[in-house]
Amino acid sequence: MRLDGKTAIVTGAARGLGRACAVAFAREGADLVLLDVCADLPGVSYPMGSASQLAHTADLCRARGAAVLTRHADVRDLA
């Protein structure tokens, strides 16, 4: 699957599955918007991604030719 000319938005992009998805999209030709909260959250018992991890994900994607925009964002729906 080639994604040339497409843009993917990836949440949780600093580490784990989010990073893996971002790199896979980049490998297939997509440009990326990478989002992660980059902060500890109350009630979450596992470590959250950090700003440096998000930057590393961006570097991995750029190395595969993707244009990348990163943002620290909380996209949870707390309602």
PDB file of N, CA and C in Angstrom:
ATOM      1  N   MET A   1       0.843  -1.173   0.000  1.00  0.00           N
ATOM      2  CA  MET A   1       0.000   0.000   0.000  1.00  0.00           C
ATOM      3  C   MET A   1       0.888   1.235   0.000  1.00  0.00           C
ATOM      4  N   ARG A   2       0.785   2.053  -1.008  1.00  0.00           N
ATOM      5  CA  ARG A   2       1.546   3.302  -1.065  1.00  0.00           C
ATOM      6  C   ARG A   2       0.638   4.450  -0.654  1.00  0.00           C
ATOM      7  N   LEU A   3       1.194   5.343   0.137  1.00  0.00           N
ATOM      8  CA  LEU A   3       0.424   6.465   0.668  1.00  0.00           C
ATOM      9  C   LEU A   3       0.984   7.804   0.212  1.00  0.00           C
ATOM     10  N   ASP A   4       1.650   7.819  -0.927  1.00  0.00           N
ATOM     11  CA  ASP A   4       2.191   9.068  -1.461  1.00  0.00           C
ATOM     12  C   ASP A   4       1.069  10.096  -1.604  1.00  0.00           C
ATOM     13  N   GLY A   5       1.337  11.323  -1.177  1.00  0.00           N
ATOM     14  CA  GLY A   5       0.352  12.389  -1.289  1.00  0.00           C
ATOM     15  C   GLY A   5      -0.696  12.387  -0.188  1.00  0.00           C
ATOM     16  N   LYS A   6      -0.596  11.474   0.749  1.00  0.00           N
ATOM     17  CA  LYS A   6      -1.544  11.387   1.864  1.00  0.00           C
ATOM     18  C   LYS A   6      -0.869  11.864   3.148  1.00  0.00           C
ATOM     19  N   THR A   7      -1.684  12.291   4.104  1.00  0.00           N
ATOM     20  CA  THR A   7      -1.189  12.672   5.420  1.00  0.00           C
ATOM     21  C   THR A   7      -1.902  11.843   6.467  1.00  0.00           C
ATOM     22  N   ALA A   8      -1.129  11.244   7.369  1.00  0.00           N
ATOM     23  CA  ALA A   8      -1.682  10.447   8.465  1.00  0.00           C
ATOM     24  C   ALA A   8      -1.527  11.209   9.771  1.00  0.00           C
ATOM     25  N   ILE A   9      -2.551  11.151  10.601  1.00  0.00           N
ATOM     26  CA  ILE A   9      -2.500  11.695  11.957  1.00  0.00           C
ATOM     27  C   ILE A   9      -2.352  10.512  12.898  1.00  0.00           C
ATOM     28  N   VAL A  10      -1.296  10.530  13.713  1.00  0.00           N
ATOM     29  CA  VAL A  10      -1.021   9.416  14.623  1.00  0.00           C
ATOM     30  C   VAL A  10      -1.015   9.939  16.052  1.00  0.00           C
ATOM     31  N   THR A  11      -1.896   9.396  16.889  1.00  0.00           N
ATOM     32  CA  THR A  11      -1.910   9.741  18.309  1.00  0.00           C
ATOM     33  C   THR A  11      -1.056   8.738  19.075  1.00  0.00           C
ATOM     34  N   GLY A  12      -0.535   9.159  20.200  1.00  0.00           N
ATOM     35  CA  GLY A  12       0.342   8.282  20.979  1.00  0.00           C
ATOM     36  C   GLY A  12       1.619   7.950  20.242  1.00  0.00           C
ATOM     37  N   ALA A  13       2.117   8.907  19.463  1.00  0.00           N
ATOM     38  CA  ALA A  13       3.221   8.658  18.530  1.00  0.00           C
ATOM     39  C   ALA A  13       4.600   8.612  19.179  1.00  0.00           C
ATOM     40  N   ALA A  14       4.721   8.956  20.448  1.00  0.00           N
ATOM     41  CA  ALA A  14       6.042   9.028  21.072  1.00  0.00           C
ATOM     42  C   ALA A  14       6.681   7.663  21.277  1.00  0.00           C
ATOM     43  N   ARG A  15       5.863   6.617  21.390  1.00  0.00           N
ATOM     44  CA  ARG A  15       6.436   5.307  21.710  1.00  0.00           C
ATOM     45  C   ARG A  15       5.459   4.194  21.328  1.00  0.00           C
ATOM     46  N   GLY A  16       5.902   2.972  21.464  1.00  0.00           N
ATOM     47  CA  GLY A  16       5.037   1.807  21.320  1.00  0.00           C
ATOM     48  C   GLY A  16       4.355   1.696  19.971  1.00  0.00           C
ATOM     49  N   LEU A  17       3.069   1.332  20.008  1.00  0.00           N
ATOM     50  CA  LEU A  17       2.309   1.132  18.775  1.00  0.00           C
ATOM     51  C   LEU A  17       2.168   2.411  17.966  1.00  0.00           C
ATOM     52  N   GLY A  18       2.030   3.550  18.641  1.00  0.00           N
ATOM     53  CA  GLY A  18       1.949   4.816  17.912  1.00  0.00           C
ATOM     54  C   GLY A  18       3.195   5.063  17.088  1.00  0.00           C
ATOM     55  N   ARG A  19       4.368   4.831  17.687  1.00  0.00           N
ATOM     56  CA  ARG A  19       5.626   4.991  16.948  1.00  0.00           C
ATOM     57  C   ARG A  19       5.685   3.999  15.792  1.00  0.00           C
ATOM     58  N   ALA A  20       5.333   2.751  16.047  1.00  0.00           N
ATOM     59  CA  ALA A  20       5.388   1.729  15.000  1.00  0.00           C
ATOM     60  C   ALA A  20       4.481   2.094  13.828  1.00  0.00           C
ATOM     61  N   CYS A  21       3.289   2.583  14.121  1.00  0.00           N
ATOM     62  CA  CYS A  21       2.371   2.994  13.049  1.00  0.00           C
ATOM     63  C   CYS A  21       2.927   4.182  12.278  1.00  0.00           C
ATOM     64  N   ALA A  22       3.470   5.161  12.988  1.00  0.00           N
ATOM     65  CA  ALA A  22       4.029   6.342  12.330  1.00  0.00           C
ATOM     66  C   ALA A  22       5.146   5.958  11.371  1.00  0.00           C
ATOM     67  N   VAL A  23       6.052   5.107  11.817  1.00  0.00           N
ATOM     68  CA  VAL A  23       7.169   4.687  10.966  1.00  0.00           C
ATOM     69  C   VAL A  23       6.654   3.893   9.769  1.00  0.00           C
ATOM     70  N   ALA A  24       5.656   3.048   9.980  1.00  0.00           N
ATOM     71  CA  ALA A  24       5.083   2.276   8.870  1.00  0.00           C
ATOM     72  C   ALA A  24       4.426   3.199   7.844  1.00  0.00           C
ATOM     73  N   PHE A  25       3.676   4.203   8.308  1.00  0.00           N
ATOM     74  CA  PHE A  25       3.071   5.163   7.381  1.00  0.00           C
ATOM     75  C   PHE A  25       4.148   5.907   6.597  1.00  0.00           C
ATOM     76  N   ALA A  26       5.207   6.332   7.282  1.00  0.00           N
ATOM     77  CA  ALA A  26       6.299   7.039   6.610  1.00  0.00           C
ATOM     78  C   ALA A  26       6.954   6.150   5.563  1.00  0.00           C
ATOM     79  N   ARG A  27       7.170   4.898   5.909  1.00  0.00           N
ATOM     80  CA  ARG A  27       7.788   3.954   4.976  1.00  0.00           C
ATOM     81  C   ARG A  27       6.938   3.800   3.708  1.00  0.00           C
ATOM     82  N   GLU A  28       5.625   3.941   3.847  1.00  0.00           N
ATOM     83  CA  GLU A  28       4.721   3.811   2.703  1.00  0.00           C
ATOM     84  C   GLU A  28       4.502   5.125   1.963  1.00  0.00           C
ATOM     85  N   GLY A  29       5.164   6.202   2.401  1.00  0.00           N
ATOM     86  CA  GLY A  29       5.128   7.452   1.656  1.00  0.00           C
ATOM     87  C   GLY A  29       4.258   8.553   2.226  1.00  0.00           C
ATOM     88  N   ALA A  30       3.590   8.316   3.342  1.00  0.00           N
ATOM     89  CA  ALA A  30       2.712   9.340   3.920  1.00  0.00           C
ATOM     90  C   ALA A  30       3.519  10.422   4.630  1.00  0.00           C
ATOM     91  N   ASP A  31       2.981  11.631   4.632  1.00  0.00           N
ATOM     92  CA  ASP A  31       3.452  12.679   5.528  1.00  0.00           C
ATOM     93  C   ASP A  31       2.681  12.511   6.832  1.00  0.00           C
ATOM     94  N   LEU A  32       3.162  13.127   7.912  1.00  0.00           N
ATOM     95  CA  LEU A  32       2.615  12.796   9.223  1.00  0.00           C
ATOM     96  C   LEU A  32       2.374  13.997  10.118  1.00  0.00           C
ATOM     97  N   VAL A  33       1.310  13.917  10.892  1.00  0.00           N
ATOM     98  CA  VAL A  33       1.080  14.769  12.047  1.00  0.00           C
ATOM     99  C   VAL A  33       1.162  13.827  13.242  1.00  0.00           C
ATOM    100  N   LEU A  34       2.168  14.031  14.091  1.00  0.00           N
ATOM    101  CA  LEU A  34       2.414  13.153  15.234  1.00  0.00           C
ATOM    102  C   LEU A  34       1.990  13.851  16.518  1.00  0.00           C
ATOM    103  N   LEU A  35       1.110  13.200  17.275  1.00  0.00           N
ATOM    104  CA  LEU A  35       0.580  13.765  18.509  1.00  0.00           C
ATOM    105  C   LEU A  35       0.901  12.867  19.691  1.00  0.00           C
ATOM    106  N   ASP A  36       1.224  13.468  20.815  1.00  0.00           N
ATOM    107  CA  ASP A  36       1.339  12.737  22.073  1.00  0.00           C
ATOM    108  C   ASP A  36       1.172  13.738  23.204  1.00  0.00           C
ATOM    109  N   VAL A  37       0.634  13.286  24.316  1.00  0.00           N
ATOM    110  CA  VAL A  37       0.408  14.171  25.450  1.00  0.00           C
ATOM    111  C   VAL A  37       1.725  14.573  26.124  1.00  0.00           C
ATOM    112  N   CYS A  38       2.722  13.707  26.085  1.00  0.00           N
ATOM    113  CA  CYS A  38       4.059  14.001  26.631  1.00  0.00           C
ATOM    114  C   CYS A  38       4.010  14.499  28.072  1.00  0.00           C
ATOM    115  N   ALA A  39       3.166  13.885  28.871  1.00  0.00           N
ATOM    116  CA  ALA A  39       3.047  14.241  30.292  1.00  0.00           C
ATOM    117  C   ALA A  39       2.385  13.084  31.022  1.00  0.00           C
ATOM    118  N   ASP A  40       2.672  12.973  32.303  1.00  0.00           N
ATOM    119  CA  ASP A  40       1.970  11.985  33.117  1.00  0.00           C
ATOM    120  C   ASP A  40       0.521  12.413  33.277  1.00  0.00           C
ATOM    121  N   LEU A  41      -0.370  11.427  33.291  1.00  0.00           N
ATOM    122  CA  LEU A  41      -1.793  11.710  33.434  1.00  0.00           C
ATOM    123  C   LEU A  41      -2.329  11.031  34.686  1.00  0.00           C
ATOM    124  N   PRO A  42      -3.186  11.709  35.441  1.00  0.00           N
ATOM    125  CA  PRO A  42      -3.764  11.079  36.625  1.00  0.00           C
ATOM    126  C   PRO A  42      -4.594   9.862  36.221  1.00  0.00           C
ATOM    127  N   GLY A  43      -4.449   8.801  36.985  1.00  0.00           N
ATOM    128  CA  GLY A  43      -5.219   7.593  36.723  1.00  0.00           C
ATOM    129  C   GLY A  43      -4.618   6.665  35.690  1.00  0.00           C
ATOM    130  N   VAL A  44      -3.521   7.059  35.068  1.00  0.00           N
ATOM    131  CA  VAL A  44      -2.852   6.210  34.079  1.00  0.00           C
ATOM    132  C   VAL A  44      -1.652   5.577  34.769  1.00  0.00           C
ATOM    133  N   SER A  45      -1.630   4.241  34.805  1.00  0.00           N
ATOM    134  CA  SER A  45      -0.620   3.546  35.603  1.00  0.00           C
ATOM    135  C   SER A  45       0.652   3.201  34.838  1.00  0.00           C
ATOM    136  N   TYR A  46       0.692   3.473  33.542  1.00  0.00           N
ATOM    137  CA  TYR A  46       1.883   3.169  32.749  1.00  0.00           C
ATOM    138  C   TYR A  46       2.557   4.478  32.333  1.00  0.00           C
ATOM    139  N   PRO A  47       3.847   4.418  32.023  1.00  0.00           N
ATOM    140  CA  PRO A  47       4.552   5.656  31.665  1.00  0.00           C
ATOM    141  C   PRO A  47       4.081   6.206  30.316  1.00  0.00           C
ATOM    142  N   MET A  48       3.901   7.496  30.275  1.00  0.00           N
ATOM    143  CA  MET A  48       3.506   8.164  29.037  1.00  0.00           C
ATOM    144  C   MET A  48       4.757   8.517  28.242  1.00  0.00           C
ATOM    145  N   GLY A  49       4.564   8.790  26.960  1.00  0.00           N
ATOM    146  CA  GLY A  49       5.676   9.200  26.120  1.00  0.00           C
ATOM    147  C   GLY A  49       6.196  10.570  26.533  1.00  0.00           C
ATOM    148  N   SER A  50       7.426  10.837  26.163  1.00  0.00           N
ATOM    149  CA  SER A  50       8.053  12.120  26.500  1.00  0.00           C
ATOM    150  C   SER A  50       8.273  12.946  25.234  1.00  0.00           C
ATOM    151  N   ALA A  51       8.590  14.206  25.436  1.00  0.00           N
ATOM    152  CA  ALA A  51       8.879  15.087  24.303  1.00  0.00           C
ATOM    153  C   ALA A  51      10.075  14.572  23.507  1.00  0.00           C
ATOM    154  N   SER A  52      11.096  14.069  24.191  1.00  0.00           N
ATOM    155  CA  SER A  52      12.270  13.555  23.469  1.00  0.00           C
ATOM    156  C   SER A  52      11.928  12.290  22.684  1.00  0.00           C
ATOM    157  N   GLN A  53      11.033  11.466  23.208  1.00  0.00           N
ATOM    158  CA  GLN A  53      10.610  10.279  22.461  1.00  0.00           C
ATOM    159  C   GLN A  53       9.801  10.674  21.226  1.00  0.00           C
ATOM    160  N   LEU A  54       8.958  11.688  21.356  1.00  0.00           N
ATOM    161  CA  LEU A  54       8.190  12.166  20.207  1.00  0.00           C
ATOM    162  C   LEU A  54       9.130  12.722  19.140  1.00  0.00           C
ATOM    163  N   ALA A  55      10.146  13.467  19.564  1.00  0.00           N
ATOM    164  CA  ALA A  55      11.133  13.992  18.617  1.00  0.00           C
ATOM    165  C   ALA A  55      11.882  12.858  17.923  1.00  0.00           C
ATOM    166  N   HIS A  56      12.175  11.794  18.658  1.00  0.00           N
ATOM    167  CA  HIS A  56      12.861  10.643  18.062  1.00  0.00           C
ATOM    168  C   HIS A  56      11.976   9.970  17.012  1.00  0.00           C
ATOM    169  N   THR A  57      10.691   9.829  17.309  1.00  0.00           N
ATOM    170  CA  THR A  57       9.767   9.275  16.321  1.00  0.00           C
ATOM    171  C   THR A  57       9.764  10.139  15.064  1.00  0.00           C
ATOM    172  N   ALA A  58       9.726  11.450  15.241  1.00  0.00           N
ATOM    173  CA  ALA A  58       9.748  12.361  14.093  1.00  0.00           C
ATOM    174  C   ALA A  58      11.018  12.166  13.274  1.00  0.00           C
ATOM    175  N   ASP A  59      12.153  12.021  13.945  1.00  0.00           N
ATOM    176  CA  ASP A  59      13.419  11.794  13.239  1.00  0.00           C
ATOM    177  C   ASP A  59      13.386  10.494  12.445  1.00  0.00           C
ATOM    178  N   LEU A  60      12.834   9.436  13.041  1.00  0.00           N
ATOM    179  CA  LEU A  60      12.731   8.154  12.337  1.00  0.00           C
ATOM    180  C   LEU A  60      11.883   8.293  11.072  1.00  0.00           C
ATOM    181  N   CYS A  61      10.808   9.057  11.164  1.00  0.00           N
ATOM    182  CA  CYS A  61       9.912   9.241  10.019  1.00  0.00           C
ATOM    183  C   CYS A  61      10.550  10.124   8.953  1.00  0.00           C
ATOM    184  N   ARG A  62      11.209  11.182   9.371  1.00  0.00           N
ATOM    185  CA  ARG A  62      11.893  12.052   8.403  1.00  0.00           C
ATOM    186  C   ARG A  62      12.984  11.294   7.662  1.00  0.00           C
ATOM    187  N   ALA A  63      13.653  10.375   8.350  1.00  0.00           N
ATOM    188  CA  ALA A  63      14.698   9.566   7.710  1.00  0.00           C
ATOM    189  C   ALA A  63      14.124   8.691   6.602  1.00  0.00           C
ATOM    190  N   ARG A  64      12.822   8.477   6.630  1.00  0.00           N
ATOM    191  CA  ARG A  64      12.151   7.694   5.592  1.00  0.00           C
ATOM    192  C   ARG A  64      11.474   8.595   4.562  1.00  0.00           C
ATOM    193  N   GLY A  65      11.774   9.900   4.622  1.00  0.00           N
ATOM    194  CA  GLY A  65      11.308  10.832   3.605  1.00  0.00           C
ATOM    195  C   GLY A  65      10.020  11.560   3.915  1.00  0.00           C
ATOM    196  N   ALA A  66       9.462  11.375   5.099  1.00  0.00           N
ATOM    197  CA  ALA A  66       8.187  12.007   5.430  1.00  0.00           C
ATOM    198  C   ALA A  66       8.381  13.448   5.889  1.00  0.00           C
ATOM    199  N   ALA A  67       7.440  14.300   5.515  1.00  0.00           N
ATOM    200  CA  ALA A  67       7.318  15.616   6.144  1.00  0.00           C
ATOM    201  C   ALA A  67       6.551  15.384   7.439  1.00  0.00           C
ATOM    202  N   VAL A  68       7.022  15.983   8.541  1.00  0.00           N
ATOM    203  CA  VAL A  68       6.460  15.669   9.858  1.00  0.00           C
ATOM    204  C   VAL A  68       6.169  16.945  10.635  1.00  0.00           C
ATOM    205  N   LEU A  69       4.986  16.990  11.243  1.00  0.00           N
ATOM    206  CA  LEU A  69       4.595  18.033  12.181  1.00  0.00           C
ATOM    207  C   LEU A  69       4.319  17.340  13.512  1.00  0.00           C
ATOM    208  N   THR A  70       4.919  17.813  14.600  1.00  0.00           N
ATOM    209  CA  THR A  70       4.663  17.227  15.918  1.00  0.00           C
ATOM    210  C   THR A  70       3.935  18.236  16.800  1.00  0.00           C
ATOM    211  N   ARG A  71       3.074  17.709  17.651  1.00  0.00           N
ATOM    212  CA  ARG A  71       2.346  18.540  18.610  1.00  0.00           C
ATOM    213  C   ARG A  71       2.132  17.756  19.894  1.00  0.00           C
ATOM    214  N   HIS A  72       2.248  18.457  21.022  1.00  0.00           N
ATOM    215  CA  HIS A  72       1.865  17.877  22.307  1.00  0.00           C
ATOM    216  C   HIS A  72       0.367  18.124  22.432  1.00  0.00           C
ATOM    217  N   ALA A  73      -0.404  17.054  22.545  1.00  0.00           N
ATOM    218  CA  ALA A  73      -1.857  17.205  22.577  1.00  0.00           C
ATOM    219  C   ALA A  73      -2.492  16.057  23.346  1.00  0.00           C
ATOM    220  N   ASP A  74      -3.537  16.375  24.078  1.00  0.00           N
ATOM    221  CA  ASP A  74      -4.347  15.381  24.774  1.00  0.00           C
ATOM    222  C   ASP A  74      -5.650  15.251  23.995  1.00  0.00           C
ATOM    223  N   VAL A  75      -5.849  14.131  23.349  1.00  0.00           N
ATOM    224  CA  VAL A  75      -7.024  13.952  22.493  1.00  0.00           C
ATOM    225  C   VAL A  75      -8.068  13.044  23.133  1.00  0.00           C
ATOM    226  N   ARG A  76      -7.917  12.791  24.445  1.00  0.00           N
ATOM    227  CA  ARG A  76      -8.920  11.971  25.134  1.00  0.00           C
ATOM    228  C   ARG A  76     -10.244  12.720  25.203  1.00  0.00           C
ATOM    229  N   ASP A  77     -11.323  11.970  25.193  1.00  0.00           N
ATOM    230  CA  ASP A  77     -12.659  12.528  25.397  1.00  0.00           C
ATOM    231  C   ASP A  77     -13.051  12.221  26.836  1.00  0.00           C
ATOM    232  N   LEU A  78     -12.974  13.207  27.701  1.00  0.00           N
ATOM    233  CA  LEU A  78     -13.239  12.993  29.114  1.00  0.00           C
ATOM    234  C   LEU A  78     -14.719  13.112  29.464  1.00  0.00           C
ATOM    235  N   ALA A  79     -15.564  13.350  28.478  1.00  0.00           N
ATOM    236  CA  ALA A  79     -17.007  13.494  28.732  1.00  0.00           C
ATOM    237  C   ALA A  79     -17.655  12.174  29.075  1.00  0.00           C
TER     238      ALA A  79
END
